[in-house]
Amino acid sequence: MIQMFTPVYTTDHMKYKVADVKKAVRLTRQMSRVYLIVLNLRSGGQVEMFGLCELNKQFPPARDYVIAGVAESPDKARELLAQIAEEAFCRTGSADLAAYLADAAGRELITLRE
């Protein structure tokens, strides 16, 4: 199953393309230059980062993922991940990203693909 937090973390460039990303995940369509930050629910909540094309090659998905962030490049995805880590540390005093994202305070989960 693939789900997405709403609101999802995005870079400024990608905030207007979130609807397109959702559609691409639902329909297993390829979108170049889209990188995801995900919470892998089957690996004890490990946080991973990879391109959308890698996710859509897995049909059905090999893992249960929650998409937490969307960026336009690997570098921007790393910057976004650092931003999430800083936010987690400021709010909880811990840099445990998996726990922070799993808590999903104030965010809803929508299912994009079973």
PDB file of N, CA and C in Angstrom:
ATOM      1  N   MET A   1       0.850  -1.174   0.000  1.00  0.00           N
ATOM      2  CA  MET A   1       0.000   0.000   0.000  1.00  0.00           C
ATOM      3  C   MET A   1       0.894   1.234   0.000  1.00  0.00           C
ATOM      4  N   ILE A   2       0.492   2.230  -0.735  1.00  0.00           N
ATOM      5  CA  ILE A   2       1.220   3.490  -0.767  1.00  0.00           C
ATOM      6  C   ILE A   2       0.262   4.594  -0.324  1.00  0.00           C
ATOM      7  N   GLN A   3       0.705   5.331   0.700  1.00  0.00           N
ATOM      8  CA  GLN A   3      -0.086   6.432   1.222  1.00  0.00           C
ATOM      9  C   GLN A   3       0.752   7.700   1.179  1.00  0.00           C
ATOM     10  N   MET A   4       0.093   8.829   1.402  1.00  0.00           N
ATOM     11  CA  MET A   4       0.803  10.109   1.418  1.00  0.00           C
ATOM     12  C   MET A   4       0.239  10.957   2.549  1.00  0.00           C
ATOM     13  N   PHE A   5       1.152  11.629   3.269  1.00  0.00           N
ATOM     14  CA  PHE A   5       0.711  12.595   4.261  1.00  0.00           C
ATOM     15  C   PHE A   5       0.131  13.806   3.547  1.00  0.00           C
ATOM     16  N   THR A   6      -0.920  14.374   4.119  1.00  0.00           N
ATOM     17  CA  THR A   6      -1.412  15.662   3.626  1.00  0.00           C
ATOM     18  C   THR A   6      -1.519  16.591   4.824  1.00  0.00           C
ATOM     19  N   PRO A   7      -0.863  17.705   4.819  1.00  0.00           N
ATOM     20  CA  PRO A   7       0.003  18.171   3.746  1.00  0.00           C
ATOM     21  C   PRO A   7       1.328  17.408   3.735  1.00  0.00           C
ATOM     22  N   VAL A   8       1.906  17.303   2.569  1.00  0.00           N
ATOM     23  CA  VAL A   8       3.184  16.626   2.381  1.00  0.00           C
ATOM     24  C   VAL A   8       4.283  17.692   2.365  1.00  0.00           C
ATOM     25  N   TYR A   9       5.471  17.340   2.853  1.00  0.00           N
ATOM     26  CA  TYR A   9       6.605  18.261   2.754  1.00  0.00           C
ATOM     27  C   TYR A   9       7.009  18.379   1.286  1.00  0.00           C
ATOM     28  N   THR A  10       7.246  19.602   0.831  1.00  0.00           N
ATOM     29  CA  THR A  10       7.678  19.817  -0.553  1.00  0.00           C
ATOM     30  C   THR A  10       8.700  20.948  -0.611  1.00  0.00           C
ATOM     31  N   THR A  11       9.451  20.943  -1.692  1.00  0.00           N
ATOM     32  CA  THR A  11      10.291  22.099  -1.987  1.00  0.00           C
ATOM     33  C   THR A  11       9.384  23.149  -2.628  1.00  0.00           C
ATOM     34  N   ASP A  12       9.866  24.377  -2.692  1.00  0.00           N
ATOM     35  CA  ASP A  12       9.058  25.443  -3.307  1.00  0.00           C
ATOM     36  C   ASP A  12       8.697  25.099  -4.747  1.00  0.00           C
ATOM     37  N   HIS A  13       9.627  24.518  -5.475  1.00  0.00           N
ATOM     38  CA  HIS A  13       9.409  24.164  -6.881  1.00  0.00           C
ATOM     39  C   HIS A  13       8.315  23.105  -7.057  1.00  0.00           C
ATOM     40  N   MET A  14       8.208  22.179  -6.100  1.00  0.00           N
ATOM     41  CA  MET A  14       7.279  21.046  -6.256  1.00  0.00           C
ATOM     42  C   MET A  14       5.908  21.266  -5.619  1.00  0.00           C
ATOM     43  N   LYS A  15       5.721  22.325  -4.865  1.00  0.00           N
ATOM     44  CA  LYS A  15       4.450  22.463  -4.145  1.00  0.00           C
ATOM     45  C   LYS A  15       3.235  22.547  -5.070  1.00  0.00           C
ATOM     46  N   TYR A  16       3.437  23.003  -6.298  1.00  0.00           N
ATOM     47  CA  TYR A  16       2.317  23.092  -7.233  1.00  0.00           C
ATOM     48  C   TYR A  16       2.171  21.827  -8.083  1.00  0.00           C
ATOM     49  N   LYS A  17       3.054  20.859  -7.878  1.00  0.00           N
ATOM     50  CA  LYS A  17       3.014  19.630  -8.658  1.00  0.00           C
ATOM     51  C   LYS A  17       2.590  18.416  -7.839  1.00  0.00           C
ATOM     52  N   VAL A  18       2.179  18.624  -6.594  1.00  0.00           N
ATOM     53  CA  VAL A  18       1.803  17.511  -5.725  1.00  0.00           C
ATOM     54  C   VAL A  18       0.632  16.724  -6.315  1.00  0.00           C
ATOM     55  N   ALA A  19      -0.350  17.398  -6.891  1.00  0.00           N
ATOM     56  CA  ALA A  19      -1.490  16.695  -7.498  1.00  0.00           C
ATOM     57  C   ALA A  19      -1.023  15.796  -8.640  1.00  0.00           C
ATOM     58  N   ASP A  20      -0.063  16.276  -9.431  1.00  0.00           N
ATOM     59  CA  ASP A  20       0.476  15.468 -10.523  1.00  0.00           C
ATOM     60  C   ASP A  20       1.222  14.242  -9.988  1.00  0.00           C
ATOM     61  N   VAL A  21       1.946  14.422  -8.896  1.00  0.00           N
ATOM     62  CA  VAL A  21       2.672  13.301  -8.284  1.00  0.00           C
ATOM     63  C   VAL A  21       1.690  12.270  -7.760  1.00  0.00           C
ATOM     64  N   LYS A  22       0.637  12.717  -7.083  1.00  0.00           N
ATOM     65  CA  LYS A  22      -0.390  11.785  -6.587  1.00  0.00           C
ATOM     66  C   LYS A  22      -0.971  10.962  -7.731  1.00  0.00           C
ATOM     67  N   LYS A  23      -1.299  11.631  -8.821  1.00  0.00           N
ATOM     68  CA  LYS A  23      -1.878  10.953  -9.982  1.00  0.00           C
ATOM     69  C   LYS A  23      -0.884   9.946 -10.568  1.00  0.00           C
ATOM     70  N   ALA A  24       0.386  10.323 -10.659  1.00  0.00           N
ATOM     71  CA  ALA A  24       1.406   9.422 -11.199  1.00  0.00           C
ATOM     72  C   ALA A  24       1.560   8.178 -10.319  1.00  0.00           C
ATOM     73  N   VAL A  25       1.484   8.350  -9.011  1.00  0.00           N
ATOM     74  CA  VAL A  25       1.580   7.190  -8.108  1.00  0.00           C
ATOM     75  C   VAL A  25       0.354   6.300  -8.264  1.00  0.00           C
ATOM     76  N   ARG A  26      -0.822   6.913  -8.301  1.00  0.00           N
ATOM     77  CA  ARG A  26      -2.060   6.125  -8.439  1.00  0.00           C
ATOM     78  C   ARG A  26      -2.070   5.295  -9.723  1.00  0.00           C
ATOM     79  N   LEU A  27      -1.613   5.909 -10.815  1.00  0.00           N
ATOM     80  CA  LEU A  27      -1.698   5.263 -12.127  1.00  0.00           C
ATOM     81  C   LEU A  27      -0.392   4.599 -12.558  1.00  0.00           C
ATOM     82  N   THR A  28       0.574   4.542 -11.641  1.00  0.00           N
ATOM     83  CA  THR A  28       1.918   4.006 -11.913  1.00  0.00           C
ATOM     84  C   THR A  28       2.543   4.626 -13.157  1.00  0.00           C
ATOM     85  N   ARG A  29       2.371   5.910 -13.322  1.00  0.00           N
ATOM     86  CA  ARG A  29       2.979   6.635 -14.442  1.00  0.00           C
ATOM     87  C   ARG A  29       4.351   7.149 -14.034  1.00  0.00           C
ATOM     88  N   GLN A  30       5.194   7.286 -15.022  1.00  0.00           N
ATOM     89  CA  GLN A  30       6.536   7.806 -14.763  1.00  0.00           C
ATOM     90  C   GLN A  30       6.509   9.330 -14.784  1.00  0.00           C
ATOM     91  N   MET A  31       7.273   9.918 -13.897  1.00  0.00           N
ATOM     92  CA  MET A  31       7.496  11.365 -13.872  1.00  0.00           C
ATOM     93  C   MET A  31       8.970  11.557 -13.610  1.00  0.00           C
ATOM     94  N   SER A  32       9.655  12.167 -14.543  1.00  0.00           N
ATOM     95  CA  SER A  32      11.083  12.391 -14.324  1.00  0.00           C
ATOM     96  C   SER A  32      11.281  13.555 -13.360  1.00  0.00           C
ATOM     97  N   ARG A  33      12.408  13.560 -12.730  1.00  0.00           N
ATOM     98  CA  ARG A  33      12.800  14.611 -11.800  1.00  0.00           C
ATOM     99  C   ARG A  33      11.839  14.770 -10.635  1.00  0.00           C
ATOM    100  N   VAL A  34      11.364  13.636 -10.110  1.00  0.00           N
ATOM    101  CA  VAL A  34      10.555  13.643  -8.895  1.00  0.00           C
ATOM    102  C   VAL A  34      11.196  12.661  -7.931  1.00  0.00           C
ATOM    103  N   TYR A  35      11.563  13.159  -6.765  1.00  0.00           N
ATOM    104  CA  TYR A  35      12.203  12.335  -5.748  1.00  0.00           C
ATOM    105  C   TYR A  35      11.359  12.362  -4.486  1.00  0.00           C
ATOM    106  N   LEU A  36      11.216  11.204  -3.868  1.00  0.00           N
ATOM    107  CA  LEU A  36      10.328  11.035  -2.730  1.00  0.00           C
ATOM    108  C   LEU A  36      11.117  10.761  -1.455  1.00  0.00           C
ATOM    109  N   ILE A  37      10.612  11.276  -0.358  1.00  0.00           N
ATOM    110  CA  ILE A  37      11.072  10.891   0.969  1.00  0.00           C
ATOM    111  C   ILE A  37       9.928  10.067   1.540  1.00  0.00           C
ATOM    112  N   VAL A  38      10.209   8.821   1.880  1.00  0.00           N
ATOM    113  CA  VAL A  38       9.146   7.921   2.324  1.00  0.00           C
ATOM    114  C   VAL A  38       9.478   7.279   3.659  1.00  0.00           C
ATOM    115  N   LEU A  39       8.436   6.893   4.358  1.00  0.00           N
ATOM    116  CA  LEU A  39       8.532   6.102   5.574  1.00  0.00           C
ATOM    117  C   LEU A  39       8.181   4.680   5.180  1.00  0.00           C
ATOM    118  N   ASN A  40       9.141   3.763   5.314  1.00  0.00           N
ATOM    119  CA  ASN A  40       8.941   2.359   4.944  1.00  0.00           C
ATOM    120  C   ASN A  40       8.357   1.649   6.158  1.00  0.00           C
ATOM    121  N   LEU A  41       7.070   1.323   6.103  1.00  0.00           N
ATOM    122  CA  LEU A  41       6.389   0.750   7.259  1.00  0.00           C
ATOM    123  C   LEU A  41       6.774  -0.699   7.534  1.00  0.00           C
ATOM    124  N   ARG A  42       7.294  -1.392   6.550  1.00  0.00           N
ATOM    125  CA  ARG A  42       7.669  -2.793   6.751  1.00  0.00           C
ATOM    126  C   ARG A  42       9.075  -2.977   7.297  1.00  0.00           C
ATOM    127  N   SER A  43       9.847  -1.919   7.342  1.00  0.00           N
ATOM    128  CA  SER A  43      11.217  -2.048   7.840  1.00  0.00           C
ATOM    129  C   SER A  43      11.381  -1.342   9.178  1.00  0.00           C
ATOM    130  N   GLY A  44      10.338  -1.353   9.966  1.00  0.00           N
ATOM    131  CA  GLY A  44      10.408  -0.714  11.269  1.00  0.00           C
ATOM    132  C   GLY A  44      10.391   0.797  11.195  1.00  0.00           C
ATOM    133  N   GLY A  45       9.872   1.337  10.121  1.00  0.00           N
ATOM    134  CA  GLY A  45       9.746   2.779   9.994  1.00  0.00           C
ATOM    135  C   GLY A  45      10.989   3.462   9.469  1.00  0.00           C
ATOM    136  N   GLN A  46      11.766   2.771   8.687  1.00  0.00           N
ATOM    137  CA  GLN A  46      12.973   3.365   8.107  1.00  0.00           C
ATOM    138  C   GLN A  46      12.590   4.470   7.127  1.00  0.00           C
ATOM    139  N   VAL A  47      13.320   5.582   7.167  1.00  0.00           N
ATOM    140  CA  VAL A  47      13.104   6.682   6.230  1.00  0.00           C
ATOM    141  C   VAL A  47      14.004   6.452   5.018  1.00  0.00           C
ATOM    142  N   GLU A  48      13.414   6.502   3.814  1.00  0.00           N
ATOM    143  CA  GLU A  48      14.155   6.252   2.581  1.00  0.00           C
ATOM    144  C   GLU A  48      13.925   7.399   1.604  1.00  0.00           C
ATOM    145  N   MET A  49      14.802   7.488   0.626  1.00  0.00           N
ATOM    146  CA  MET A  49      14.686   8.517  -0.408  1.00  0.00           C
ATOM    147  C   MET A  49      15.018   7.880  -1.746  1.00  0.00           C
ATOM    148  N   PHE A  50      14.150   8.061  -2.739  1.00  0.00           N
ATOM    149  CA  PHE A  50      14.399   7.535  -4.079  1.00  0.00           C
ATOM    150  C   PHE A  50      13.496   8.226  -5.083  1.00  0.00           C
ATOM    151  N   GLY A  51      13.761   7.990  -6.356  1.00  0.00           N
ATOM    152  CA  GLY A  51      12.983   8.598  -7.422  1.00  0.00           C
ATOM    153  C   GLY A  51      11.621   7.942  -7.583  1.00  0.00           C
ATOM    154  N   LEU A  52      10.664   8.701  -8.053  1.00  0.00           N
ATOM    155  CA  LEU A  52       9.318   8.180  -8.294  1.00  0.00           C
ATOM    156  C   LEU A  52       9.348   7.010  -9.270  1.00  0.00           C
ATOM    157  N   CYS A  53      10.243   7.075 -10.258  1.00  0.00           N
ATOM    158  CA  CYS A  53      10.309   5.977 -11.232  1.00  0.00           C
ATOM    159  C   CYS A  53      10.674   4.661 -10.554  1.00  0.00           C
ATOM    160  N   GLU A  54      11.484   4.694  -9.490  1.00  0.00           N
ATOM    161  CA  GLU A  54      11.824   3.470  -8.753  1.00  0.00           C
ATOM    162  C   GLU A  54      10.592   2.902  -8.049  1.00  0.00           C
ATOM    163  N   LEU A  55       9.782   3.779  -7.486  1.00  0.00           N
ATOM    164  CA  LEU A  55       8.564   3.333  -6.809  1.00  0.00           C
ATOM    165  C   LEU A  55       7.600   2.699  -7.801  1.00  0.00           C
ATOM    166  N   ASN A  56       7.433   3.326  -8.960  1.00  0.00           N
ATOM    167  CA  ASN A  56       6.460   2.841  -9.926  1.00  0.00           C
ATOM    168  C   ASN A  56       6.918   1.601 -10.680  1.00  0.00           C
ATOM    169  N   LYS A  57       8.177   1.210 -10.541  1.00  0.00           N
ATOM    170  CA  LYS A  57       8.633  -0.060 -11.113  1.00  0.00           C
ATOM    171  C   LYS A  57       8.119  -1.235 -10.296  1.00  0.00           C
ATOM    172  N   GLN A  58       7.767  -0.984  -9.038  1.00  0.00           N
ATOM    173  CA  GLN A  58       7.283  -2.029  -8.140  1.00  0.00           C
ATOM    174  C   GLN A  58       5.756  -2.101  -8.237  1.00  0.00           C
ATOM    175  N   PHE A  59       5.245  -3.039  -8.950  1.00  0.00           N
ATOM    176  CA  PHE A  59       3.788  -3.177  -9.020  1.00  0.00           C
ATOM    177  C   PHE A  59       3.399  -4.636  -8.892  1.00  0.00           C
ATOM    178  N   PRO A  60       2.721  -5.028  -7.834  1.00  0.00           N
ATOM    179  CA  PRO A  60       2.349  -4.194  -6.696  1.00  0.00           C
ATOM    180  C   PRO A  60       3.581  -3.813  -5.881  1.00  0.00           C
ATOM    181  N   PRO A  61       3.472  -2.759  -5.065  1.00  0.00           N
ATOM    182  CA  PRO A  61       4.637  -2.316  -4.314  1.00  0.00           C
ATOM    183  C   PRO A  61       5.154  -3.400  -3.383  1.00  0.00           C
ATOM    184  N   ALA A  62       6.466  -3.502  -3.310  1.00  0.00           N
ATOM    185  CA  ALA A  62       7.094  -4.517  -2.466  1.00  0.00           C
ATOM    186  C   ALA A  62       6.975  -4.164  -0.988  1.00  0.00           C
ATOM    187  N   ARG A  63       6.718  -2.934  -0.690  1.00  0.00           N
ATOM    188  CA  ARG A  63       6.657  -2.489   0.698  1.00  0.00           C
ATOM    189  C   ARG A  63       5.457  -1.575   0.904  1.00  0.00           C
ATOM    190  N   ASP A  64       5.144  -1.331   2.159  1.00  0.00           N
ATOM    191  CA  ASP A  64       4.138  -0.331   2.498  1.00  0.00           C
ATOM    192  C   ASP A  64       4.862   0.982   2.753  1.00  0.00           C
ATOM    193  N   TYR A  65       4.554   1.974   1.954  1.00  0.00           N
ATOM    194  CA  TYR A  65       5.219   3.268   2.044  1.00  0.00           C
ATOM    195  C   TYR A  65       4.224   4.370   2.402  1.00  0.00           C
ATOM    196  N   VAL A  66       4.722   5.354   3.147  1.00  0.00           N
ATOM    197  CA  VAL A  66       4.004   6.607   3.345  1.00  0.00           C
ATOM    198  C   VAL A  66       4.912   7.702   2.800  1.00  0.00           C
ATOM    199  N   ILE A  67       4.434   8.411   1.793  1.00  0.00           N
ATOM    200  CA  ILE A  67       5.213   9.490   1.199  1.00  0.00           C
ATOM    201  C   ILE A  67       5.126  10.706   2.119  1.00  0.00           C
ATOM    202  N   ALA A  68       6.301  11.166   2.553  1.00  0.00           N
ATOM    203  CA  ALA A  68       6.359  12.291   3.480  1.00  0.00           C
ATOM    204  C   ALA A  68       6.860  13.561   2.805  1.00  0.00           C
ATOM    205  N   GLY A  69       7.626  13.402   1.698  1.00  0.00           N
ATOM    206  CA  GLY A  69       8.194  14.569   1.042  1.00  0.00           C
ATOM    207  C   GLY A  69       8.359  14.370  -0.442  1.00  0.00           C
ATOM    208  N   VAL A  70       8.328  15.476  -1.195  1.00  0.00           N
ATOM    209  CA  VAL A  70       8.468  15.460  -2.648  1.00  0.00           C
ATOM    210  C   VAL A  70       9.429  16.577  -3.041  1.00  0.00           C
ATOM    211  N   ALA A  71      10.434  16.213  -3.852  1.00  0.00           N
ATOM    212  CA  ALA A  71      11.433  17.189  -4.299  1.00  0.00           C
ATOM    213  C   ALA A  71      11.757  16.951  -5.769  1.00  0.00           C
ATOM    214  N   GLU A  72      12.472  17.915  -6.375  1.00  0.00           N
ATOM    215  CA  GLU A  72      12.750  17.839  -7.814  1.00  0.00           C
ATOM    216  C   GLU A  72      14.129  17.276  -8.145  1.00  0.00           C
ATOM    217  N   SER A  73      14.953  17.017  -7.151  1.00  0.00           N
ATOM    218  CA  SER A  73      16.277  16.455  -7.409  1.00  0.00           C
ATOM    219  C   SER A  73      16.769  15.737  -6.152  1.00  0.00           C
ATOM    220  N   PRO A  74      17.756  14.870  -6.300  1.00  0.00           N
ATOM    221  CA  PRO A  74      18.304  14.204  -5.104  1.00  0.00           C
ATOM    222  C   PRO A  74      18.863  15.225  -4.100  1.00  0.00           C
ATOM    223  N   ASP A  75      19.537  16.267  -4.596  1.00  0.00           N
ATOM    224  CA  ASP A  75      20.076  17.285  -3.689  1.00  0.00           C
ATOM    225  C   ASP A  75      18.975  18.015  -2.937  1.00  0.00           C
ATOM    226  N   LYS A  76      17.921  18.375  -3.648  1.00  0.00           N
ATOM    227  CA  LYS A  76      16.800  19.064  -3.002  1.00  0.00           C
ATOM    228  C   LYS A  76      16.086  18.129  -2.024  1.00  0.00           C
ATOM    229  N   ALA A  77      16.019  16.843  -2.340  1.00  0.00           N
ATOM    230  CA  ALA A  77      15.411  15.873  -1.424  1.00  0.00           C
ATOM    231  C   ALA A  77      16.228  15.777  -0.135  1.00  0.00           C
ATOM    232  N   ARG A  78      17.564  15.791  -0.262  1.00  0.00           N
ATOM    233  CA  ARG A  78      18.422  15.765   0.935  1.00  0.00           C
ATOM    234  C   ARG A  78      18.231  17.034   1.762  1.00  0.00           C
ATOM    235  N   GLU A  79      18.110  18.187   1.092  1.00  0.00           N
ATOM    236  CA  GLU A  79      17.854  19.437   1.804  1.00  0.00           C
ATOM    237  C   GLU A  79      16.514  19.386   2.530  1.00  0.00           C
ATOM    238  N   LEU A  80      15.503  18.840   1.869  1.00  0.00           N
ATOM    239  CA  LEU A  80      14.179  18.718   2.480  1.00  0.00           C
ATOM    240  C   LEU A  80      14.227  17.773   3.675  1.00  0.00           C
ATOM    241  N   LEU A  81      14.969  16.684   3.535  1.00  0.00           N
ATOM    242  CA  LEU A  81      15.126  15.734   4.637  1.00  0.00           C
ATOM    243  C   LEU A  81      15.817  16.405   5.825  1.00  0.00           C
ATOM    244  N   ALA A  82      16.816  17.234   5.555  1.00  0.00           N
ATOM    245  CA  ALA A  82      17.495  17.977   6.623  1.00  0.00           C
ATOM    246  C   ALA A  82      16.526  18.947   7.301  1.00  0.00           C
ATOM    247  N   GLN A  83      15.662  19.569   6.516  1.00  0.00           N
ATOM    248  CA  GLN A  83      14.654  20.481   7.066  1.00  0.00           C
ATOM    249  C   GLN A  83      13.693  19.723   7.985  1.00  0.00           C
ATOM    250  N   ILE A  84      13.257  18.535   7.558  1.00  0.00           N
ATOM    251  CA  ILE A  84      12.360  17.722   8.373  1.00  0.00           C
ATOM    252  C   ILE A  84      13.066  17.305   9.666  1.00  0.00           C
ATOM    253  N   ALA A  85      14.345  16.927   9.567  1.00  0.00           N
ATOM    254  CA  ALA A  85      15.116  16.528  10.754  1.00  0.00           C
ATOM    255  C   ALA A  85      15.242  17.689  11.738  1.00  0.00           C
ATOM    256  N   GLU A  86      15.496  18.884  11.209  1.00  0.00           N
ATOM    257  CA  GLU A  86      15.604  20.058  12.077  1.00  0.00           C
ATOM    258  C   GLU A  86      14.272  20.339  12.772  1.00  0.00           C
ATOM    259  N   GLU A  87      13.184  20.236  12.014  1.00  0.00           N
ATOM    260  CA  GLU A  87      11.851  20.437  12.584  1.00  0.00           C
ATOM    261  C   GLU A  87      11.569  19.397  13.663  1.00  0.00           C
ATOM    262  N   ALA A  88      11.908  18.145  13.389  1.00  0.00           N
ATOM    263  CA  ALA A  88      11.695  17.073  14.370  1.00  0.00           C
ATOM    264  C   ALA A  88      12.478  17.345  15.647  1.00  0.00           C
ATOM    265  N   PHE A  89      13.733  17.762  15.500  1.00  0.00           N
ATOM    266  CA  PHE A  89      14.564  18.027  16.666  1.00  0.00           C
ATOM    267  C   PHE A  89      14.031  19.204  17.469  1.00  0.00           C
ATOM    268  N   CYS A  90      13.606  20.259  16.780  1.00  0.00           N
ATOM    269  CA  CYS A  90      13.078  21.441  17.475  1.00  0.00           C
ATOM    270  C   CYS A  90      11.789  21.132  18.232  1.00  0.00           C
ATOM    271  N   ARG A  91      10.957  20.301  17.654  1.00  0.00           N
ATOM    272  CA  ARG A  91       9.654  20.009  18.268  1.00  0.00           C
ATOM    273  C   ARG A  91       9.712  18.903  19.319  1.00  0.00           C
ATOM    274  N   THR A  92      10.628  17.939  19.138  1.00  0.00           N
ATOM    275  CA  THR A  92      10.624  16.774  20.045  1.00  0.00           C
ATOM    276  C   THR A  92      11.915  16.612  20.838  1.00  0.00           C
ATOM    277  N   GLY A  93      12.977  17.318  20.441  1.00  0.00           N
ATOM    278  CA  GLY A  93      14.262  17.138  21.108  1.00  0.00           C
ATOM    279  C   GLY A  93      14.992  15.898  20.636  1.00  0.00           C
ATOM    280  N   SER A  94      14.473  15.250  19.609  1.00  0.00           N
ATOM    281  CA  SER A  94      15.077  14.038  19.062  1.00  0.00           C
ATOM    282  C   SER A  94      15.140  14.152  17.544  1.00  0.00           C
ATOM    283  N   ALA A  95      16.152  13.528  16.968  1.00  0.00           N
ATOM    284  CA  ALA A  95      16.257  13.509  15.507  1.00  0.00           C
ATOM    285  C   ALA A  95      15.748  12.189  14.943  1.00  0.00           C
ATOM    286  N   ASP A  96      14.872  11.522  15.673  1.00  0.00           N
ATOM    287  CA  ASP A  96      14.293  10.255  15.218  1.00  0.00           C
ATOM    288  C   ASP A  96      13.208  10.570  14.188  1.00  0.00           C
ATOM    289  N   LEU A  97      13.618  10.605  12.928  1.00  0.00           N
ATOM    290  CA  LEU A  97      12.689  10.978  11.855  1.00  0.00           C
ATOM    291  C   LEU A  97      11.546   9.994  11.714  1.00  0.00           C
ATOM    292  N   ALA A  98      11.838   8.710  11.835  1.00  0.00           N
ATOM    293  CA  ALA A  98      10.788   7.700  11.684  1.00  0.00           C
ATOM    294  C   ALA A  98       9.687   7.906  12.714  1.00  0.00           C
ATOM    295  N   ALA A  99      10.062   8.130  13.960  1.00  0.00           N
ATOM    296  CA  ALA A  99       9.063   8.345  15.013  1.00  0.00           C
ATOM    297  C   ALA A  99       8.298   9.643  14.781  1.00  0.00           C
ATOM    298  N   TYR A 100       9.018  10.683  14.384  1.00  0.00           N
ATOM    299  CA  TYR A 100       8.383  11.972  14.143  1.00  0.00           C
ATOM    300  C   TYR A 100       7.380  11.883  12.996  1.00  0.00           C
ATOM    301  N   LEU A 101       7.780  11.263  11.896  1.00  0.00           N
ATOM    302  CA  LEU A 101       6.881  11.145  10.746  1.00  0.00           C
ATOM    303  C   LEU A 101       5.731  10.192  11.035  1.00  0.00           C
ATOM    304  N   ALA A 102       6.000   9.107  11.759  1.00  0.00           N
ATOM    305  CA  ALA A 102       4.940   8.141  12.072  1.00  0.00           C
ATOM    306  C   ALA A 102       3.874   8.767  12.960  1.00  0.00           C
ATOM    307  N   ASP A 103       4.283   9.696  13.814  1.00  0.00           N
ATOM    308  CA  ASP A 103       3.329  10.374  14.687  1.00  0.00           C
ATOM    309  C   ASP A 103       2.344  11.200  13.866  1.00  0.00           C
ATOM    310  N   ALA A 104       2.811  11.802  12.793  1.00  0.00           N
ATOM    311  CA  ALA A 104       1.976  12.531  11.827  1.00  0.00           C
ATOM    312  C   ALA A 104       1.053  13.555  12.466  1.00  0.00           C
ATOM    313  N   ALA A 105       1.553  14.229  13.481  1.00  0.00           N
ATOM    314  CA  ALA A 105       0.729  15.213  14.190  1.00  0.00           C
ATOM    315  C   ALA A 105       0.173  16.256  13.235  1.00  0.00           C
ATOM    316  N   GLY A 106      -1.132  16.381  13.195  1.00  0.00           N
ATOM    317  CA  GLY A 106      -1.783  17.388  12.379  1.00  0.00           C
ATOM    318  C   GLY A 106      -1.865  17.067  10.903  1.00  0.00           C
ATOM    319  N   ARG A 107      -1.481  15.851  10.511  1.00  0.00           N
ATOM    320  CA  ARG A 107      -1.521  15.485   9.098  1.00  0.00           C
ATOM    321  C   ARG A 107      -2.434  14.280   8.904  1.00  0.00           C
ATOM    322  N   GLU A 108      -3.080  14.242   7.769  1.00  0.00           N
ATOM    323  CA  GLU A 108      -3.927  13.111   7.423  1.00  0.00           C
ATOM    324  C   GLU A 108      -3.159  12.195   6.471  1.00  0.00           C
ATOM    325  N   LEU A 109      -3.603  10.946   6.379  1.00  0.00           N
ATOM    326  CA  LEU A 109      -3.043  10.002   5.427  1.00  0.00           C
ATOM    327  C   LEU A 109      -4.077   9.720   4.350  1.00  0.00           C
ATOM    328  N   ILE A 110      -3.665   9.801   3.095  1.00  0.00           N
ATOM    329  CA  ILE A 110      -4.553   9.406   2.013  1.00  0.00           C
ATOM    330  C   ILE A 110      -3.911   8.209   1.311  1.00  0.00           C
ATOM    331  N   THR A 111      -4.731   7.252   0.897  1.00  0.00           N
ATOM    332  CA  THR A 111      -4.227   6.082   0.199  1.00  0.00           C
ATOM    333  C   THR A 111      -4.183   6.382  -1.288  1.00  0.00           C
ATOM    334  N   LEU A 112      -2.998   6.164  -1.894  1.00  0.00           N
ATOM    335  CA  LEU A 112      -2.833   6.407  -3.323  1.00  0.00           C
ATOM    336  C   LEU A 112      -2.898   5.121  -4.129  1.00  0.00           C
ATOM    337  N   ARG A 113      -2.418   4.029  -3.535  1.00  0.00           N
ATOM    338  CA  ARG A 113      -2.428   2.749  -4.249  1.00  0.00           C
ATOM    339  C   ARG A 113      -2.448   1.629  -3.217  1.00  0.00           C
ATOM    340  N   GLU A 114      -3.303   0.644  -3.458  1.00  0.00           N
ATOM    341  CA  GLU A 114      -3.366  -0.537  -2.571  1.00  0.00           C
ATOM    342  C   GLU A 114      -2.246  -1.491  -2.875  1.00  0.00           C
TER     343      GLU A 114
END
